[in-house]
Protein backbone atom coordinates (compact mmCIF):
# COMPACT_ATOMS: atom_id res chain seq x y z
CA UNK A 1 8.64 183.67 86.16
CA UNK A 2 6.41 184.80 89.00
CA UNK A 3 4.32 187.71 87.63
CA UNK A 4 4.32 189.37 91.07
CA UNK A 5 8.04 190.13 90.56
CA UNK A 6 7.38 192.04 87.34
CA UNK A 7 6.91 195.84 87.21
CA UNK A 8 3.30 196.92 87.68
CA UNK A 9 2.77 198.01 84.04
CA UNK A 10 4.09 194.64 82.82
CA UNK A 11 1.80 192.74 85.17
CA UNK A 12 -1.16 194.78 83.99
CA UNK A 13 -0.24 194.10 80.36
CA UNK A 14 0.00 190.37 81.03
CA UNK A 15 -3.35 190.32 82.80
CA UNK A 16 -4.94 192.30 80.01
CA UNK A 17 -3.51 189.93 77.39
CA UNK A 18 -4.79 186.93 79.32
CA UNK A 19 -8.23 188.52 79.62
CA UNK A 20 -8.31 189.27 75.90
CA UNK A 21 -7.20 185.72 75.10
CA UNK A 22 -9.93 184.25 77.30
CA UNK A 23 -12.45 186.63 75.76
CA UNK A 24 -11.34 185.57 72.27
CA UNK A 25 -11.74 181.88 73.10
CA UNK A 26 -15.17 182.48 74.59
CA UNK A 27 -16.19 184.54 71.56
CA UNK A 28 -15.09 181.82 69.16
CA UNK A 29 -16.94 179.22 71.21
CA UNK A 30 -20.10 181.31 71.08
CA UNK A 31 -19.75 181.90 67.32
CA UNK A 32 -19.69 178.16 66.57
CA UNK A 33 -21.73 176.89 64.90
CA UNK A 34 -22.62 179.83 62.70
CA UNK A 35 -24.41 177.83 59.99
CA UNK A 36 -26.12 174.43 59.52
CA UNK A 37 -24.11 171.31 60.26
CA UNK A 38 -23.55 168.66 57.61
CA UNK A 39 -23.14 165.13 58.94
CA UNK A 40 -21.65 162.66 56.46
CA UNK A 41 -22.56 159.04 57.17
CA UNK A 42 -19.79 156.71 55.98
CA UNK A 43 -21.99 154.01 54.50
CA UNK A 44 -25.05 153.29 52.43
CA UNK A 45 -28.42 154.98 52.87
CA UNK A 46 -30.28 152.99 55.51
CA UNK A 47 -27.07 151.38 56.76
CA UNK A 48 -25.84 151.48 60.33
CA UNK A 49 -23.82 154.70 60.00
CA UNK A 50 -26.76 156.42 58.33
CA UNK A 51 -29.16 155.28 61.07
CA UNK A 52 -26.75 156.43 63.80
CA UNK A 53 -26.17 159.78 62.11
CA UNK A 54 -29.92 160.40 61.89
CA UNK A 55 -30.33 159.28 65.50
CA UNK A 56 -28.04 162.04 66.76
CA UNK A 57 -28.79 164.72 64.15
CA UNK A 58 -31.93 166.20 65.74
CA UNK A 59 -30.62 166.32 69.31
CA UNK A 60 -27.32 167.69 67.96
CA UNK A 61 -29.30 170.46 66.24
CA UNK A 62 -31.04 171.30 69.50
CA UNK A 63 -27.83 171.20 71.50
CA UNK A 64 -25.87 173.45 69.13
CA UNK A 65 -28.67 175.66 67.91
CA UNK A 66 -28.21 174.90 64.22
CA UNK A 67 -29.88 172.46 61.84
CA UNK A 68 -27.92 169.25 61.25
CA UNK A 69 -28.63 167.33 58.06
CA UNK A 70 -27.32 163.88 57.13
CA UNK A 71 -25.78 162.74 53.85
CA UNK A 72 -24.87 159.06 53.45
CA UNK A 73 -21.78 158.43 51.31
CA UNK A 74 -20.82 154.87 50.43
CA UNK A 75 -18.02 153.29 48.45
CA UNK A 76 -14.29 152.59 48.51
CA UNK A 77 -14.39 151.20 52.05
CA UNK A 78 -15.33 154.58 53.47
CA UNK A 79 -12.76 156.56 51.49
CA UNK A 80 -15.43 158.40 49.47
CA UNK A 81 -17.03 159.68 52.67
CA UNK A 82 -13.66 160.67 54.14
CA UNK A 83 -12.65 162.43 50.91
CA UNK A 84 -15.90 164.39 51.03
CA UNK A 85 -15.02 165.47 54.57
CA UNK A 86 -11.54 166.51 53.43
CA UNK A 87 -12.94 168.58 50.55
CA UNK A 88 -15.32 170.46 52.86
CA UNK A 89 -14.33 173.51 54.94
CA UNK A 90 -12.36 172.42 58.01
CA UNK A 91 -14.32 174.62 60.38
CA UNK A 92 -16.33 172.02 62.30
CA UNK A 93 -19.54 172.48 60.35
CA UNK A 94 -18.95 169.24 58.44
CA UNK A 95 -18.70 166.07 60.55
CA UNK A 96 -18.54 162.37 59.80
CA UNK A 97 -20.19 159.39 61.47
CA UNK A 98 -18.33 156.15 60.90
CA UNK A 99 -16.80 153.08 62.50
CA UNK A 100 -13.36 152.85 64.06
CA UNK A 101 -12.30 150.43 61.33
CA UNK A 102 -11.89 153.43 59.00
CA UNK A 103 -8.62 154.02 60.84
CA UNK A 104 -7.75 150.72 62.53
CA UNK A 105 -8.61 148.15 59.83
CA UNK A 106 -9.46 149.48 56.38
CA UNK A 107 -5.95 150.90 55.66
CA UNK A 108 -4.55 147.38 56.09
CA UNK A 109 -7.15 145.83 53.80
CA UNK A 110 -7.60 148.25 50.92
CA UNK A 111 -5.13 150.31 48.90
CA UNK A 112 -6.20 153.90 49.42
CA UNK A 113 -4.92 157.26 48.25
CA UNK A 114 -6.07 158.78 51.54
CA UNK A 115 -4.14 158.32 54.78
CA UNK A 116 -7.12 157.60 57.03
CA UNK A 117 -5.15 157.93 60.24
CA UNK A 118 -3.89 161.42 59.39
CA UNK A 119 -7.16 162.54 57.82
CA UNK A 120 -9.53 161.71 60.67
CA UNK A 121 -9.71 163.06 64.21
CA UNK A 122 -12.11 161.34 66.62
CA UNK A 123 -14.36 163.74 68.52
CA UNK A 124 -16.38 161.27 70.53
CA UNK A 125 -17.13 157.56 70.63
CA UNK A 126 -20.89 157.17 70.37
CA UNK A 127 -21.44 153.49 71.11
CA UNK A 128 -19.62 150.17 71.02
CA UNK A 129 -20.40 146.65 69.91
CA UNK A 130 -18.57 143.36 69.84
CA UNK A 131 -18.43 140.52 67.38
CA UNK A 132 -19.98 137.12 67.81
CA UNK A 133 -18.78 133.79 66.43
CA UNK A 134 -21.87 132.25 64.88
CA UNK A 135 -22.43 128.83 63.36
CA UNK A 136 -24.92 127.22 61.05
CA UNK A 137 -27.88 125.99 63.08
CA UNK A 138 -27.03 122.38 62.25
CA UNK A 139 -23.32 122.60 63.04
CA UNK A 140 -22.47 119.67 65.36
CA UNK A 141 -20.80 121.87 68.02
CA UNK A 142 -22.74 124.39 70.13
CA UNK A 143 -19.93 125.67 72.34
CA UNK A 144 -16.34 126.71 71.77
CA UNK A 145 -14.74 123.67 73.39
CA UNK A 146 -16.69 121.24 71.21
CA UNK A 147 -16.15 123.41 68.13
CA UNK A 148 -12.37 123.31 68.59
CA UNK A 149 -12.40 119.55 69.14
CA UNK A 150 -14.61 118.95 66.10
CA UNK A 151 -12.53 121.12 63.76
CA UNK A 152 -9.33 119.45 64.96
CA UNK A 153 -10.85 116.03 64.33
CA UNK A 154 -11.65 117.07 60.74
CA UNK A 155 -8.56 118.96 59.52
CA UNK A 156 -8.85 121.05 56.38
CA UNK A 157 -12.62 120.68 56.12
CA UNK A 158 -14.01 123.86 57.64
CA UNK A 159 -14.03 127.54 56.77
CA UNK A 160 -15.25 130.75 58.33
CA UNK A 161 -16.69 133.88 56.77
CA UNK A 162 -15.85 137.52 57.40
CA UNK A 163 -17.89 140.51 56.32
CA UNK A 164 -14.75 141.88 54.61
CA UNK A 165 -11.13 140.78 54.26
CA UNK A 166 -8.70 142.61 56.50
CA UNK A 167 -11.28 143.62 59.09
CA UNK A 168 -11.67 142.48 62.69
CA UNK A 169 -14.10 139.85 61.40
CA UNK A 170 -11.22 138.34 59.43
CA UNK A 171 -8.54 138.87 62.08
CA UNK A 172 -10.48 137.20 64.91
CA UNK A 173 -10.62 134.01 62.84
CA UNK A 174 -6.87 134.16 62.32
CA UNK A 175 -6.39 134.62 66.05
CA UNK A 176 -8.66 131.66 66.79
CA UNK A 177 -6.60 129.52 64.44
CA UNK A 178 -3.41 130.65 66.16
CA UNK A 179 -4.64 130.37 69.75
CA UNK A 180 -6.52 127.09 69.39
CA UNK A 181 -4.32 125.40 66.79
CA UNK A 182 -7.02 125.26 64.11
CA UNK A 183 -6.90 125.43 60.32
CA UNK A 184 -10.12 127.25 59.50
CA UNK A 185 -10.05 128.63 55.96
CA UNK A 186 -11.03 132.27 55.56
CA UNK A 187 -13.74 133.24 53.06
CA UNK A 188 -14.14 137.00 52.66
CA UNK A 189 -17.43 138.63 51.67
CA UNK A 190 -18.59 142.13 50.83
CA UNK A 191 -20.85 142.73 53.79
CA UNK A 192 -22.60 140.73 56.47
CA UNK A 193 -25.77 139.93 54.54
CA UNK A 194 -24.29 137.71 51.81
CA UNK A 195 -22.02 136.01 54.35
CA UNK A 196 -24.90 135.25 56.72
CA UNK A 197 -26.93 133.82 53.84
CA UNK A 198 -24.13 131.35 53.17
CA UNK A 199 -23.81 130.52 56.86
CA UNK A 200 -27.52 129.74 57.02
CA UNK A 201 -27.15 127.63 53.89
CA UNK A 202 -24.11 125.87 55.41
CA UNK A 203 -21.91 126.87 52.47
CA UNK A 204 -19.61 128.41 55.10
CA UNK A 205 -20.42 126.97 58.53
CA UNK A 206 -18.91 129.69 60.73
CA UNK A 207 -18.60 133.47 60.80
CA UNK A 208 -17.39 136.31 62.98
CA UNK A 209 -20.09 138.95 62.65
CA UNK A 210 -21.30 142.09 64.39
CA UNK A 211 -23.73 141.31 67.17
CA UNK A 212 -26.33 143.71 65.81
CA UNK A 213 -26.54 142.19 62.34
CA UNK A 214 -26.60 138.60 63.60
CA UNK A 215 -29.07 139.21 66.42
CA UNK A 216 -32.34 138.79 64.43
CA UNK A 217 -31.11 135.48 62.97
CA UNK A 218 -29.93 134.29 66.39
CA UNK A 219 -33.34 135.07 67.90
CA UNK A 220 -35.10 133.17 65.12
CA UNK A 221 -32.81 130.14 65.52
CA UNK A 222 -31.48 130.33 61.96
CA UNK A 223 -27.92 130.48 63.29
CA UNK A 224 -26.43 129.93 66.74
CA UNK A 225 -23.92 131.87 68.85
CA UNK A 226 -20.70 130.32 70.13
CA UNK A 227 -18.87 133.19 71.88
CA UNK A 228 -18.60 136.98 71.86
CA UNK A 229 -15.53 139.22 71.64
CA UNK A 230 -16.71 141.75 74.23
CA UNK A 231 -14.79 142.19 77.52
CA UNK A 232 -17.93 141.23 79.44
CA UNK A 233 -21.01 139.35 78.35
CA UNK A 234 -23.17 141.44 76.07
CA UNK A 235 -26.59 142.37 77.48
CA UNK A 236 -27.87 141.62 73.98
CA UNK A 237 -26.66 138.00 74.33
CA UNK A 238 -26.43 137.44 78.09
CA UNK A 239 -26.29 133.66 77.79
CA UNK A 240 -23.35 133.64 75.37
CA UNK A 241 -19.90 133.48 77.01
CA UNK A 242 -17.01 135.75 76.11
CA UNK A 243 -13.82 134.41 74.55
CA UNK A 244 -11.98 135.79 77.56
CA UNK A 245 -13.94 133.73 80.07
CA UNK A 246 -13.39 130.68 77.85
CA UNK A 247 -9.63 131.13 78.07
CA UNK A 248 -8.96 133.14 74.89
CA UNK A 249 -8.42 136.76 76.00
CA UNK A 250 -6.55 137.64 72.79
CA UNK A 251 -9.84 137.30 70.92
CA UNK A 252 -11.29 140.27 72.74
CA UNK A 253 -12.14 143.03 70.30
CA UNK A 254 -14.68 145.81 69.92
CA UNK A 255 -15.96 147.93 67.10
CA UNK A 256 -17.46 151.34 67.73
CA UNK A 257 -19.30 154.08 65.93
CA UNK A 258 -17.90 157.55 66.35
CA UNK A 259 -18.20 161.19 65.38
CA UNK A 260 -15.15 162.48 63.48
CA UNK A 261 -13.72 165.63 61.90
CA UNK A 262 -10.39 166.61 60.38
CA UNK A 263 -7.50 167.20 62.81
CA UNK A 264 -7.21 170.89 61.93
CA UNK A 265 -10.76 171.78 62.92
CA UNK A 266 -10.50 174.47 65.63
CA UNK A 267 -10.30 172.93 69.09
CA UNK A 268 -13.15 175.14 70.30
CA UNK A 269 -15.47 173.68 67.65
CA UNK A 270 -14.36 170.13 68.45
CA UNK A 271 -14.99 170.73 72.15
CA UNK A 272 -18.49 172.11 71.56
CA UNK A 273 -19.47 169.18 69.32
CA UNK A 274 -18.07 166.70 71.84
CA UNK A 275 -19.91 168.35 74.71
CA UNK A 276 -23.19 168.29 72.78
CA UNK A 277 -22.71 164.68 71.73
CA UNK A 278 -21.95 163.53 75.28
CA UNK A 279 -25.16 165.19 76.45
CA UNK A 280 -27.08 163.33 73.74
CA UNK A 281 -25.66 160.03 74.96
CA UNK A 282 -27.17 160.60 78.42
CA UNK A 283 -30.69 160.50 76.95
CA UNK A 284 -32.36 157.18 77.68
CA UNK A 285 -34.30 157.18 74.41
CA UNK A 286 -31.02 157.48 72.47
CA UNK A 287 -29.35 154.76 74.55
CA UNK A 288 -32.34 152.48 74.00
CA UNK A 289 -32.22 153.01 70.25
CA UNK A 290 -28.50 152.21 70.18
CA UNK A 291 -29.28 149.03 72.10
CA UNK A 292 -31.85 148.04 69.48
CA UNK A 293 -29.13 148.49 66.85
CA UNK A 294 -26.79 146.16 68.73
CA UNK A 295 -24.66 148.86 70.38
CA UNK A 296 -23.99 149.79 73.98
CA UNK A 297 -23.38 153.33 75.19
CA UNK A 298 -20.57 152.98 77.70
CA UNK A 299 -18.64 155.37 79.93
CA UNK A 300 -17.11 158.05 77.68
CA UNK A 301 -13.43 157.85 76.85
CA UNK A 302 -11.26 160.92 76.41
CA UNK A 303 -10.06 161.80 72.94
CA UNK A 304 -6.51 160.81 73.88
CA UNK A 305 -7.75 157.41 75.07
CA UNK A 306 -9.62 156.92 71.79
CA UNK A 307 -6.54 157.85 69.75
CA UNK A 308 -4.39 155.41 71.75
CA UNK A 309 -6.92 152.60 71.25
CA UNK A 310 -7.03 153.24 67.50
CA UNK A 311 -3.27 152.89 67.30
CA UNK A 312 -3.27 149.71 69.40
CA UNK A 313 -6.05 148.17 67.30
CA UNK A 314 -4.34 149.16 64.06
CA UNK A 315 -1.05 147.66 65.22
CA UNK A 316 -2.76 144.39 66.16
CA UNK A 317 -4.64 144.08 62.89
CA UNK A 318 -1.59 145.01 60.84
CA UNK A 319 0.66 142.56 62.65
CA UNK A 320 -1.80 139.69 62.27
CA UNK A 321 -2.39 140.30 58.57
CA UNK A 322 1.33 140.70 57.93
CA UNK A 323 1.97 137.36 59.60
CA UNK A 324 -0.07 135.56 56.92
CA UNK A 325 1.26 137.65 54.04
CA UNK A 326 -2.04 139.44 53.47
CA UNK A 327 -1.75 142.26 50.94
CA UNK A 328 -4.23 145.15 50.53
CA UNK A 329 -6.34 144.86 47.39
């Protein structure tokens, strides 16, 4: 209804209510944060999530006017960190730094008591990275075309490693088998480090790994890169082609590190944290440090876009794992 058609006292009451509502929102925005921020890093001390959390903690403190301290929490594929978040007050003063796989991959790979998708609300994507198909330095093929031909010529003889069963590292190998007609055997590991050791030792000749963790070994020539899963060539590996440009667009896939809370955190608090985080990501020193870690800071996506991508990624991973009869452990 047009408020101009209402009696004058009613219009005044409506305007007063609107003013009070706006004042209340502004007051809540100004009152957050009212105490130090606790940032849970979903991973081991010194791991990627911990490093990222510490990278943003100081500028987040300056942006929000409260101290932010970091606590790494590892175990149970991230569930321990998420449970800690759930047990904390849902007022925005406790946040979590972790990878998108907490929602899009881990629930398909591990039996959990926590519903990750319902428990976590993305606030902002901090930075993205792709995966790279790497090979033992002595592997006969050095490009994807030759790799496919060589594996086909030697059926049943080759395997590939993933840093964990049920993750994108696992799924990309399944997709390569499907798209290229290969029979690579999956070997799952608990982390990149032990898998890369076996790739260097040629116990498992191939692996889909995060660009950041493989980069030092690629630079030293201990392993070699075949292709990357990023939409465009990674500036970290500018000479390595993407799967898309090689004719395999279904092998495109990204992982990203984000800042999360619980869905019921007040929207005003979420908005303030997001605004502060986006300002941090404009700082060149922060962007450079992310680059050193193997991540790129890209154009920010809205929260709704992030939520939609999480669902799409989860659906893809779930469908692929279901097709091979994979069961969560």
